[in-house]
Amino acid sequence: MKIKFTILFAVVFSLLSSPSWSKENKIELSTKSKAEKTSKKSSVESDILEIQSTDLTQVFSEAEKYYKAGQAWNKLKCAPVTGFICTKRECAKRDIQAYLILDKKNKMISRCEGEICDKFPATFRQTGVFFNVQTDGPVGTLIRILGDSRYKEITTVGLDAYIANGNCEVILD
C-alpha cells in the first residue's frame, strides 16, 4: 500500500510540475510580476507591427532588379568561392580551380581550368529572379543564378555531388 501511495504521489507531482500539462490546463506556475508580463506583451506587439510594416515596394523593386538582370545577360563568367564534394558518407570542403562560362545565346556551358575548356550543351530557363541552367548527358549539372550575380552549381558524377558557390560577372560580347 505504501508503494502504491508513493507512486501515485510521484505521478501527481510530475503532472502538476510539468509545463505542458499545466499549460493545457491553464495552471500558471510562473512567479513573474505583472509588469514583466506586460513588457513581454508589448514586445510581441512591436514585433508584429515591425513585420506588418515591411516595405513591400522595396521587396518588389529588388525582385524586379534581379529579374531584369537575369533577362539581360547573354554570357556570364562564374567563379567559385567555396566548394564541396558530397559522397554517401560526408560532404568535404574542396578547392576548386575551374570556372564556368555560361553562354545563354548559344545554349552552352564551358567548364574551364586556365585556358582549357570543355563545352556542354545546356538548357537555359528563367524562373522568376533565378536562371536555371541544366546539362544533358552522363555528368548532370544544375546551375542556379540569382539575376546575374550569385550562383550555385551542383554536378553529379555517379552518386557523388560536387557543389560550388560563387559569383558571376557579365561578359560583354
N, C-alpha and C. Protein backbone atom coordinates (compact mmCIF):
# COMPACT_ATOMS: atom_id res chain seq x y z
N MET A 1 0.83 -1.19 0.00
CA MET A 1 0.00 0.00 0.00
C MET A 1 0.87 1.25 0.00
N LYS A 2 1.93 1.25 0.77
CA LYS A 2 2.82 2.39 0.87
C LYS A 2 3.49 2.68 -0.49
N ILE A 3 3.82 1.61 -1.23
CA ILE A 3 4.47 1.77 -2.53
C ILE A 3 3.48 2.38 -3.53
N LYS A 4 2.22 1.93 -3.52
CA LYS A 4 1.20 2.48 -4.42
C LYS A 4 0.99 3.96 -4.14
N PHE A 5 0.95 4.33 -2.84
CA PHE A 5 0.77 5.73 -2.47
C PHE A 5 1.95 6.58 -2.95
N THR A 6 3.16 6.06 -2.83
CA THR A 6 4.37 6.78 -3.27
C THR A 6 4.35 6.97 -4.78
N ILE A 7 3.97 5.91 -5.53
CA ILE A 7 3.91 6.01 -6.99
C ILE A 7 2.84 7.00 -7.41
N LEU A 8 1.65 6.93 -6.77
CA LEU A 8 0.58 7.87 -7.07
C LEU A 8 1.01 9.31 -6.79
N PHE A 9 1.67 9.53 -5.66
CA PHE A 9 2.15 10.87 -5.32
C PHE A 9 3.16 11.37 -6.36
N ALA A 10 4.08 10.48 -6.80
CA ALA A 10 5.10 10.86 -7.78
C ALA A 10 4.46 11.23 -9.12
N VAL A 11 3.44 10.46 -9.54
CA VAL A 11 2.76 10.75 -10.81
C VAL A 11 2.03 12.09 -10.74
N VAL A 12 1.29 12.32 -9.65
CA VAL A 12 0.55 13.57 -9.49
C VAL A 12 1.52 14.75 -9.42
N PHE A 13 2.61 14.60 -8.71
CA PHE A 13 3.60 15.67 -8.60
C PHE A 13 4.22 15.97 -9.97
N SER A 14 4.53 14.90 -10.73
CA SER A 14 5.11 15.09 -12.08
C SER A 14 4.16 15.84 -12.99
N LEU A 15 2.88 15.47 -12.95
CA LEU A 15 1.89 16.15 -13.78
C LEU A 15 1.76 17.63 -13.41
N LEU A 16 1.67 17.89 -12.12
CA LEU A 16 1.49 19.28 -11.69
C LEU A 16 2.70 20.14 -12.01
N SER A 17 3.88 19.56 -11.97
CA SER A 17 5.08 20.35 -12.23
C SER A 17 5.45 20.36 -13.70
N SER A 18 4.77 19.60 -14.55
CA SER A 18 5.04 19.55 -15.98
C SER A 18 4.50 20.81 -16.65
N PRO A 19 5.35 21.57 -17.34
CA PRO A 19 4.90 22.80 -18.01
C PRO A 19 3.83 22.55 -19.08
N SER A 20 3.97 21.46 -19.83
CA SER A 20 2.99 21.22 -20.90
C SER A 20 1.62 20.88 -20.32
N TRP A 21 1.57 20.08 -19.24
CA TRP A 21 0.29 19.73 -18.63
C TRP A 21 -0.36 20.95 -18.00
N SER A 22 0.44 21.74 -17.32
CA SER A 22 -0.13 22.92 -16.66
C SER A 22 -0.55 23.96 -17.68
N LYS A 23 0.14 24.03 -18.83
CA LYS A 23 -0.26 24.98 -19.87
C LYS A 23 -1.60 24.56 -20.47
N GLU A 24 -1.76 23.24 -20.74
CA GLU A 24 -3.02 22.74 -21.28
C GLU A 24 -4.18 23.01 -20.32
N ASN A 25 -3.92 22.92 -19.04
CA ASN A 25 -4.97 23.09 -18.05
C ASN A 25 -4.99 24.49 -17.46
N LYS A 26 -4.28 25.40 -18.11
CA LYS A 26 -4.27 26.82 -17.75
C LYS A 26 -3.89 27.06 -16.29
N ILE A 27 -2.92 26.28 -15.81
CA ILE A 27 -2.40 26.49 -14.46
C ILE A 27 -1.10 27.26 -14.62
N GLU A 28 -1.01 28.40 -14.01
CA GLU A 28 0.15 29.26 -14.16
C GLU A 28 1.10 29.04 -13.00
N LEU A 29 2.28 28.51 -13.32
CA LEU A 29 3.28 28.24 -12.29
C LEU A 29 4.31 29.35 -12.21
N SER A 30 4.17 30.34 -13.04
CA SER A 30 5.15 31.41 -13.12
C SER A 30 5.07 32.34 -11.92
N THR A 31 6.23 32.86 -11.55
CA THR A 31 6.28 33.84 -10.46
C THR A 31 6.61 35.22 -11.00
N LYS A 32 6.47 35.40 -12.31
CA LYS A 32 6.78 36.70 -12.92
C LYS A 32 5.76 37.73 -12.47
N SER A 33 6.27 38.93 -12.36
CA SER A 33 5.38 40.02 -11.95
C SER A 33 4.51 40.46 -13.12
N LYS A 34 3.46 41.18 -12.82
CA LYS A 34 2.55 41.67 -13.84
C LYS A 34 3.28 42.62 -14.80
N ALA A 35 4.23 43.41 -14.29
CA ALA A 35 4.98 44.35 -15.13
C ALA A 35 5.81 43.60 -16.16
N GLU A 36 6.43 42.47 -15.75
CA GLU A 36 7.22 41.69 -16.69
C GLU A 36 6.34 41.13 -17.80
N LYS A 37 5.15 40.64 -17.45
CA LYS A 37 4.24 40.09 -18.44
C LYS A 37 3.78 41.16 -19.41
N THR A 38 3.50 42.36 -18.90
CA THR A 38 3.05 43.47 -19.75
C THR A 38 4.16 43.87 -20.71
N SER A 39 5.42 43.94 -20.23
CA SER A 39 6.52 44.34 -21.11
C SER A 39 6.74 43.29 -22.18
N LYS A 40 6.58 42.01 -21.83
CA LYS A 40 6.72 40.95 -22.82
C LYS A 40 5.63 41.07 -23.88
N LYS A 41 4.41 41.37 -23.47
CA LYS A 41 3.30 41.51 -24.40
C LYS A 41 3.55 42.68 -25.35
N SER A 42 4.02 43.81 -24.82
CA SER A 42 4.26 44.96 -25.69
C SER A 42 5.42 44.69 -26.64
N SER A 43 6.38 43.87 -26.22
CA SER A 43 7.48 43.49 -27.10
C SER A 43 6.95 42.66 -28.27
N VAL A 44 6.06 41.74 -27.99
CA VAL A 44 5.46 40.92 -29.04
C VAL A 44 4.65 41.79 -29.98
N GLU A 45 3.88 42.73 -29.43
CA GLU A 45 3.08 43.63 -30.27
C GLU A 45 3.98 44.46 -31.18
N SER A 46 5.13 44.92 -30.67
CA SER A 46 6.03 45.71 -31.51
C SER A 46 6.65 44.85 -32.61
N ASP A 47 6.93 43.55 -32.29
CA ASP A 47 7.43 42.65 -33.33
C ASP A 47 6.41 42.46 -34.43
N ILE A 48 5.14 42.33 -34.05
CA ILE A 48 4.07 42.17 -35.04
C ILE A 48 3.96 43.43 -35.89
N LEU A 49 4.03 44.58 -35.27
CA LEU A 49 3.96 45.83 -36.04
C LEU A 49 5.14 45.94 -36.99
N GLU A 50 6.33 45.50 -36.53
CA GLU A 50 7.51 45.57 -37.38
C GLU A 50 7.33 44.67 -38.60
N ILE A 51 6.78 43.48 -38.41
CA ILE A 51 6.54 42.58 -39.54
C ILE A 51 5.50 43.18 -40.48
N GLN A 52 4.47 43.77 -39.94
CA GLN A 52 3.43 44.34 -40.76
C GLN A 52 3.91 45.56 -41.54
N SER A 53 4.93 46.23 -41.04
CA SER A 53 5.38 47.44 -41.71
C SER A 53 6.53 47.19 -42.69
N THR A 54 6.69 45.94 -43.15
CA THR A 54 7.70 45.64 -44.15
C THR A 54 7.38 46.41 -45.42
N ASP A 55 8.39 47.04 -45.97
CA ASP A 55 8.20 47.83 -47.18
C ASP A 55 8.16 46.91 -48.39
N LEU A 56 6.96 46.53 -48.80
CA LEU A 56 6.81 45.62 -49.93
C LEU A 56 7.26 46.25 -51.23
N THR A 57 7.18 47.55 -51.32
CA THR A 57 7.66 48.24 -52.53
C THR A 57 9.14 47.96 -52.73
N GLN A 58 9.91 48.00 -51.65
CA GLN A 58 11.34 47.73 -51.74
C GLN A 58 11.60 46.26 -52.11
N VAL A 59 10.84 45.35 -51.52
CA VAL A 59 10.99 43.93 -51.82
C VAL A 59 10.71 43.66 -53.30
N PHE A 60 9.61 44.20 -53.82
CA PHE A 60 9.26 44.01 -55.23
C PHE A 60 10.26 44.70 -56.16
N SER A 61 10.77 45.84 -55.74
CA SER A 61 11.76 46.55 -56.54
C SER A 61 13.04 45.73 -56.67
N GLU A 62 13.47 45.12 -55.58
CA GLU A 62 14.68 44.29 -55.61
C GLU A 62 14.46 43.05 -56.47
N ALA A 63 13.29 42.43 -56.36
CA ALA A 63 12.97 41.25 -57.17
C ALA A 63 12.95 41.61 -58.65
N GLU A 64 12.38 42.76 -58.97
CA GLU A 64 12.34 43.21 -60.37
C GLU A 64 13.75 43.46 -60.91
N LYS A 65 14.62 44.01 -60.06
CA LYS A 65 16.00 44.27 -60.46
C LYS A 65 16.69 42.95 -60.84
N TYR A 66 16.55 41.91 -60.00
CA TYR A 66 17.16 40.61 -60.30
C TYR A 66 16.54 39.97 -61.53
N TYR A 67 15.22 40.11 -61.69
CA TYR A 67 14.53 39.54 -62.84
C TYR A 67 15.06 40.16 -64.13
N LYS A 68 15.15 41.48 -64.17
CA LYS A 68 15.65 42.17 -65.37
C LYS A 68 17.11 41.85 -65.64
N ALA A 69 17.92 41.74 -64.57
CA ALA A 69 19.33 41.39 -64.73
C ALA A 69 19.46 39.99 -65.32
N GLY A 70 18.58 39.07 -64.89
CA GLY A 70 18.58 37.71 -65.43
C GLY A 70 18.23 37.67 -66.89
N GLN A 71 17.33 38.54 -67.32
CA GLN A 71 16.94 38.59 -68.73
C GLN A 71 18.02 39.24 -69.59
N ALA A 72 18.77 40.16 -69.03
CA ALA A 72 19.68 41.00 -69.83
C ALA A 72 20.97 40.32 -70.25
N TRP A 73 21.51 39.41 -69.45
CA TRP A 73 22.82 38.85 -69.79
C TRP A 73 22.72 37.79 -70.88
N ASN A 74 23.78 37.73 -71.71
CA ASN A 74 23.92 36.68 -72.71
C ASN A 74 25.03 35.72 -72.34
N LYS A 75 26.06 36.26 -71.66
CA LYS A 75 27.21 35.44 -71.29
C LYS A 75 27.69 35.84 -69.90
N LEU A 76 27.94 34.83 -69.05
CA LEU A 76 28.44 35.07 -67.70
C LEU A 76 29.70 34.25 -67.46
N LYS A 77 30.59 34.82 -66.65
CA LYS A 77 31.73 34.05 -66.12
C LYS A 77 31.45 33.89 -64.64
N CYS A 78 31.36 32.63 -64.18
CA CYS A 78 31.04 32.34 -62.79
C CYS A 78 32.23 31.65 -62.14
N ALA A 79 32.75 32.27 -61.09
CA ALA A 79 33.92 31.74 -60.38
C ALA A 79 33.51 31.30 -58.98
N PRO A 80 33.94 30.12 -58.55
CA PRO A 80 33.56 29.62 -57.23
C PRO A 80 34.30 30.32 -56.10
N VAL A 81 33.62 30.42 -54.97
CA VAL A 81 34.22 30.93 -53.74
C VAL A 81 34.44 29.76 -52.78
N THR A 82 33.45 28.86 -52.70
CA THR A 82 33.57 27.66 -51.87
C THR A 82 33.11 26.46 -52.68
N GLY A 83 33.60 25.30 -52.26
CA GLY A 83 33.21 24.08 -52.95
C GLY A 83 33.23 22.88 -52.01
N PHE A 84 32.43 21.88 -52.37
CA PHE A 84 32.31 20.67 -51.57
C PHE A 84 32.18 19.47 -52.50
N ILE A 85 32.59 18.31 -52.01
CA ILE A 85 32.31 17.06 -52.69
C ILE A 85 31.53 16.21 -51.69
N CYS A 86 30.36 15.78 -52.10
CA CYS A 86 29.49 15.02 -51.20
C CYS A 86 29.38 13.58 -51.68
N THR A 87 29.76 12.67 -50.80
CA THR A 87 29.65 11.25 -51.07
C THR A 87 28.55 10.68 -50.20
N LYS A 88 28.46 9.39 -50.19
CA LYS A 88 27.45 8.71 -49.39
C LYS A 88 27.59 9.03 -47.90
N ARG A 89 28.80 9.29 -47.45
CA ARG A 89 29.06 9.44 -46.02
C ARG A 89 29.29 10.87 -45.55
N GLU A 90 29.74 11.76 -46.42
CA GLU A 90 30.09 13.10 -45.95
C GLU A 90 30.14 14.11 -47.09
N CYS A 91 30.17 15.38 -46.70
CA CYS A 91 30.41 16.47 -47.64
C CYS A 91 31.68 17.18 -47.17
N ALA A 92 32.74 16.96 -47.90
CA ALA A 92 34.03 17.56 -47.51
C ALA A 92 34.30 18.80 -48.36
N LYS A 93 34.90 19.79 -47.73
CA LYS A 93 35.26 21.01 -48.44
C LYS A 93 36.39 20.69 -49.42
N ARG A 94 36.36 21.35 -50.56
CA ARG A 94 37.42 21.13 -51.55
C ARG A 94 37.78 22.42 -52.26
N ASP A 95 38.99 22.48 -52.74
CA ASP A 95 39.43 23.63 -53.54
C ASP A 95 38.95 23.44 -54.96
N ILE A 96 38.52 24.53 -55.58
CA ILE A 96 38.03 24.46 -56.96
C ILE A 96 38.85 25.43 -57.80
N GLN A 97 39.40 24.91 -58.88
CA GLN A 97 40.18 25.75 -59.79
C GLN A 97 39.37 26.14 -61.02
N ALA A 98 38.34 25.36 -61.33
CA ALA A 98 37.57 25.57 -62.56
C ALA A 98 36.56 26.70 -62.39
N TYR A 99 36.34 27.42 -63.47
CA TYR A 99 35.29 28.44 -63.52
C TYR A 99 34.36 28.09 -64.68
N LEU A 100 33.22 28.72 -64.73
CA LEU A 100 32.22 28.43 -65.75
C LEU A 100 32.01 29.63 -66.66
N ILE A 101 31.78 29.37 -67.91
CA ILE A 101 31.30 30.37 -68.86
C ILE A 101 29.92 29.89 -69.29
N LEU A 102 28.91 30.68 -68.99
CA LEU A 102 27.54 30.34 -69.34
C LEU A 102 27.13 31.19 -70.55
N ASP A 103 26.86 30.53 -71.64
CA ASP A 103 26.51 31.22 -72.89
C ASP A 103 25.04 30.93 -73.19
N LYS A 104 24.19 31.86 -72.80
CA LYS A 104 22.74 31.69 -72.98
C LYS A 104 22.36 31.69 -74.46
N LYS A 105 22.99 32.55 -75.24
CA LYS A 105 22.65 32.70 -76.66
C LYS A 105 22.92 31.40 -77.43
N ASN A 106 24.07 30.77 -77.18
CA ASN A 106 24.45 29.53 -77.89
C ASN A 106 24.07 28.26 -77.11
N LYS A 107 23.45 28.44 -75.95
CA LYS A 107 23.00 27.33 -75.11
C LYS A 107 24.13 26.36 -74.80
N MET A 108 25.23 26.93 -74.28
CA MET A 108 26.42 26.14 -73.95
C MET A 108 26.97 26.54 -72.58
N ILE A 109 27.54 25.55 -71.90
CA ILE A 109 28.31 25.79 -70.68
C ILE A 109 29.74 25.38 -70.99
N SER A 110 30.68 26.21 -70.60
CA SER A 110 32.09 25.85 -70.71
C SER A 110 32.66 25.77 -69.30
N ARG A 111 33.28 24.64 -68.97
CA ARG A 111 33.97 24.49 -67.69
C ARG A 111 35.45 24.61 -68.00
N CYS A 112 36.07 25.66 -67.42
CA CYS A 112 37.44 25.99 -67.80
C CYS A 112 38.40 25.91 -66.61
N GLU A 113 39.59 25.40 -66.88
CA GLU A 113 40.71 25.46 -65.94
C GLU A 113 41.84 26.11 -66.72
N GLY A 114 42.15 27.33 -66.33
CA GLY A 114 43.12 28.11 -67.11
C GLY A 114 42.53 28.42 -68.46
N GLU A 115 43.24 28.02 -69.54
CA GLU A 115 42.77 28.28 -70.90
C GLU A 115 42.09 27.07 -71.52
N ILE A 116 42.07 25.94 -70.82
CA ILE A 116 41.47 24.72 -71.35
C ILE A 116 40.01 24.63 -70.90
N CYS A 117 39.09 24.51 -71.88
CA CYS A 117 37.66 24.49 -71.57
C CYS A 117 36.98 23.28 -72.22
N ASP A 118 36.09 22.66 -71.47
CA ASP A 118 35.21 21.62 -72.01
C ASP A 118 33.84 22.25 -72.16
N LYS A 119 33.20 21.99 -73.32
CA LYS A 119 31.89 22.58 -73.59
C LYS A 119 30.80 21.52 -73.54
N PHE A 120 29.63 21.94 -73.02
CA PHE A 120 28.48 21.05 -72.89
C PHE A 120 27.23 21.80 -73.34
N PRO A 121 26.36 21.16 -74.12
CA PRO A 121 25.08 21.79 -74.44
C PRO A 121 24.22 21.88 -73.18
N ALA A 122 23.41 22.91 -73.11
CA ALA A 122 22.61 23.12 -71.89
C ALA A 122 21.28 23.77 -72.22
N THR A 123 20.37 23.63 -71.27
CA THR A 123 19.06 24.27 -71.34
C THR A 123 19.06 25.44 -70.37
N PHE A 124 18.64 26.61 -70.83
CA PHE A 124 18.58 27.82 -70.01
C PHE A 124 17.12 28.22 -69.84
N ARG A 125 16.67 28.34 -68.59
CA ARG A 125 15.28 28.77 -68.34
C ARG A 125 15.24 29.73 -67.17
N GLN A 126 14.50 30.81 -67.34
CA GLN A 126 14.32 31.76 -66.24
C GLN A 126 13.08 31.39 -65.45
N THR A 127 13.23 31.39 -64.13
CA THR A 127 12.13 31.16 -63.21
C THR A 127 12.16 32.29 -62.19
N GLY A 128 11.34 33.30 -62.41
CA GLY A 128 11.34 34.45 -61.51
C GLY A 128 12.67 35.17 -61.54
N VAL A 129 13.29 35.33 -60.36
CA VAL A 129 14.57 36.05 -60.26
C VAL A 129 15.76 35.15 -60.54
N PHE A 130 15.51 33.84 -60.74
CA PHE A 130 16.58 32.88 -60.96
C PHE A 130 16.63 32.41 -62.40
N PHE A 131 17.85 32.07 -62.84
CA PHE A 131 18.05 31.39 -64.11
C PHE A 131 18.54 29.99 -63.77
N ASN A 132 17.87 28.98 -64.31
CA ASN A 132 18.29 27.60 -64.12
C ASN A 132 18.95 27.12 -65.40
N VAL A 133 20.11 26.52 -65.25
CA VAL A 133 20.87 26.00 -66.38
C VAL A 133 21.11 24.53 -66.09
N GLN A 134 20.81 23.68 -67.09
CA GLN A 134 20.94 22.25 -66.88
C GLN A 134 21.53 21.59 -68.11
N THR A 135 22.47 20.66 -67.87
CA THR A 135 23.09 19.93 -68.97
C THR A 135 22.42 18.58 -69.15
N ASP A 136 22.63 18.02 -70.34
CA ASP A 136 22.22 16.65 -70.62
C ASP A 136 23.49 15.80 -70.61
N GLY A 137 23.31 14.50 -70.51
CA GLY A 137 24.46 13.62 -70.61
C GLY A 137 24.80 12.93 -69.31
N PRO A 138 25.92 12.20 -69.32
CA PRO A 138 26.29 11.38 -68.17
C PRO A 138 26.67 12.18 -66.92
N VAL A 139 27.20 13.36 -67.10
CA VAL A 139 27.53 14.23 -65.97
C VAL A 139 26.41 15.26 -65.86
N GLY A 140 25.60 15.13 -64.83
CA GLY A 140 24.47 16.05 -64.67
C GLY A 140 24.89 17.31 -63.94
N THR A 141 24.60 18.44 -64.52
CA THR A 141 24.93 19.72 -63.89
C THR A 141 23.68 20.58 -63.83
N LEU A 142 23.46 21.14 -62.65
CA LEU A 142 22.37 22.09 -62.45
C LEU A 142 22.99 23.34 -61.84
N ILE A 143 22.73 24.47 -62.48
CA ILE A 143 23.26 25.75 -62.01
C ILE A 143 22.09 26.69 -61.81
N ARG A 144 22.09 27.37 -60.69
CA ARG A 144 21.04 28.36 -60.42
C ARG A 144 21.73 29.69 -60.17
N ILE A 145 21.33 30.70 -60.94
CA ILE A 145 21.94 32.04 -60.84
C ILE A 145 20.88 33.02 -60.38
N LEU A 146 21.22 33.84 -59.42
CA LEU A 146 20.34 34.92 -58.96
C LEU A 146 20.62 36.13 -59.84
N GLY A 147 19.67 36.44 -60.72
CA GLY A 147 19.86 37.58 -61.64
C GLY A 147 21.05 37.35 -62.53
N ASP A 148 22.12 38.11 -62.27
CA ASP A 148 23.37 37.92 -62.99
C ASP A 148 24.55 37.92 -62.02
N SER A 149 24.29 37.61 -60.75
CA SER A 149 25.35 37.77 -59.77
C SER A 149 25.79 36.47 -59.09
N ARG A 150 25.06 35.98 -58.10
CA ARG A 150 25.49 34.81 -57.33
C ARG A 150 24.97 33.53 -57.99
N TYR A 151 25.72 32.43 -57.74
CA TYR A 151 25.29 31.16 -58.32
C TYR A 151 25.61 30.00 -57.39
N LYS A 152 24.92 28.89 -57.64
CA LYS A 152 25.21 27.61 -57.01
C LYS A 152 25.19 26.58 -58.12
N GLU A 153 26.21 25.74 -58.12
CA GLU A 153 26.32 24.67 -59.11
C GLU A 153 26.34 23.33 -58.38
N ILE A 154 25.55 22.40 -58.88
CA ILE A 154 25.56 21.04 -58.35
C ILE A 154 25.79 20.13 -59.55
N THR A 155 26.91 19.43 -59.53
CA THR A 155 27.25 18.50 -60.59
C THR A 155 27.32 17.11 -59.99
N THR A 156 26.68 16.15 -60.65
CA THR A 156 26.72 14.78 -60.16
C THR A 156 27.52 13.92 -61.12
N VAL A 157 28.37 13.09 -60.52
CA VAL A 157 29.11 12.07 -61.25
C VAL A 157 28.82 10.79 -60.50
N GLY A 158 28.08 9.89 -61.14
CA GLY A 158 27.59 8.71 -60.42
C GLY A 158 26.64 9.20 -59.34
N LEU A 159 26.89 8.81 -58.11
CA LEU A 159 26.06 9.26 -56.99
C LEU A 159 26.76 10.29 -56.12
N ASP A 160 27.93 10.75 -56.54
CA ASP A 160 28.63 11.81 -55.82
C ASP A 160 28.21 13.17 -56.38
N ALA A 161 28.20 14.17 -55.50
CA ALA A 161 27.80 15.51 -55.92
C ALA A 161 28.93 16.50 -55.65
N TYR A 162 29.22 17.31 -56.63
CA TYR A 162 30.19 18.39 -56.50
C TYR A 162 29.40 19.69 -56.42
N ILE A 163 29.61 20.44 -55.36
CA ILE A 163 28.84 21.66 -55.14
C ILE A 163 29.77 22.85 -55.11
N ALA A 164 29.42 23.89 -55.85
CA ALA A 164 30.20 25.13 -55.87
C ALA A 164 29.26 26.31 -55.64
N ASN A 165 29.73 27.27 -54.88
CA ASN A 165 29.01 28.52 -54.64
C ASN A 165 29.94 29.66 -55.02
N GLY A 166 29.41 30.66 -55.70
CA GLY A 166 30.30 31.75 -56.06
C GLY A 166 29.57 32.93 -56.66
N ASN A 167 30.33 33.70 -57.42
CA ASN A 167 29.83 34.94 -58.00
C ASN A 167 30.03 34.93 -59.51
N CYS A 168 29.12 35.61 -60.19
CA CYS A 168 29.18 35.70 -61.65
C CYS A 168 29.37 37.17 -62.06
N GLU A 169 29.95 37.34 -63.24
CA GLU A 169 30.05 38.68 -63.83
C GLU A 169 29.70 38.58 -65.30
N VAL A 170 29.06 39.60 -65.80
CA VAL A 170 28.63 39.63 -67.19
C VAL A 170 29.83 39.80 -68.10
N ILE A 171 29.87 38.99 -69.17
CA ILE A 171 30.89 39.13 -70.20
C ILE A 171 30.22 39.84 -71.37
N LEU A 172 30.79 40.97 -71.76
CA LEU A 172 30.23 41.72 -72.89
C LEU A 172 30.77 41.13 -74.17
N ASP A 173 29.87 40.91 -75.14
CA ASP A 173 30.26 40.34 -76.45
C ASP A 173 31.00 41.33 -77.29
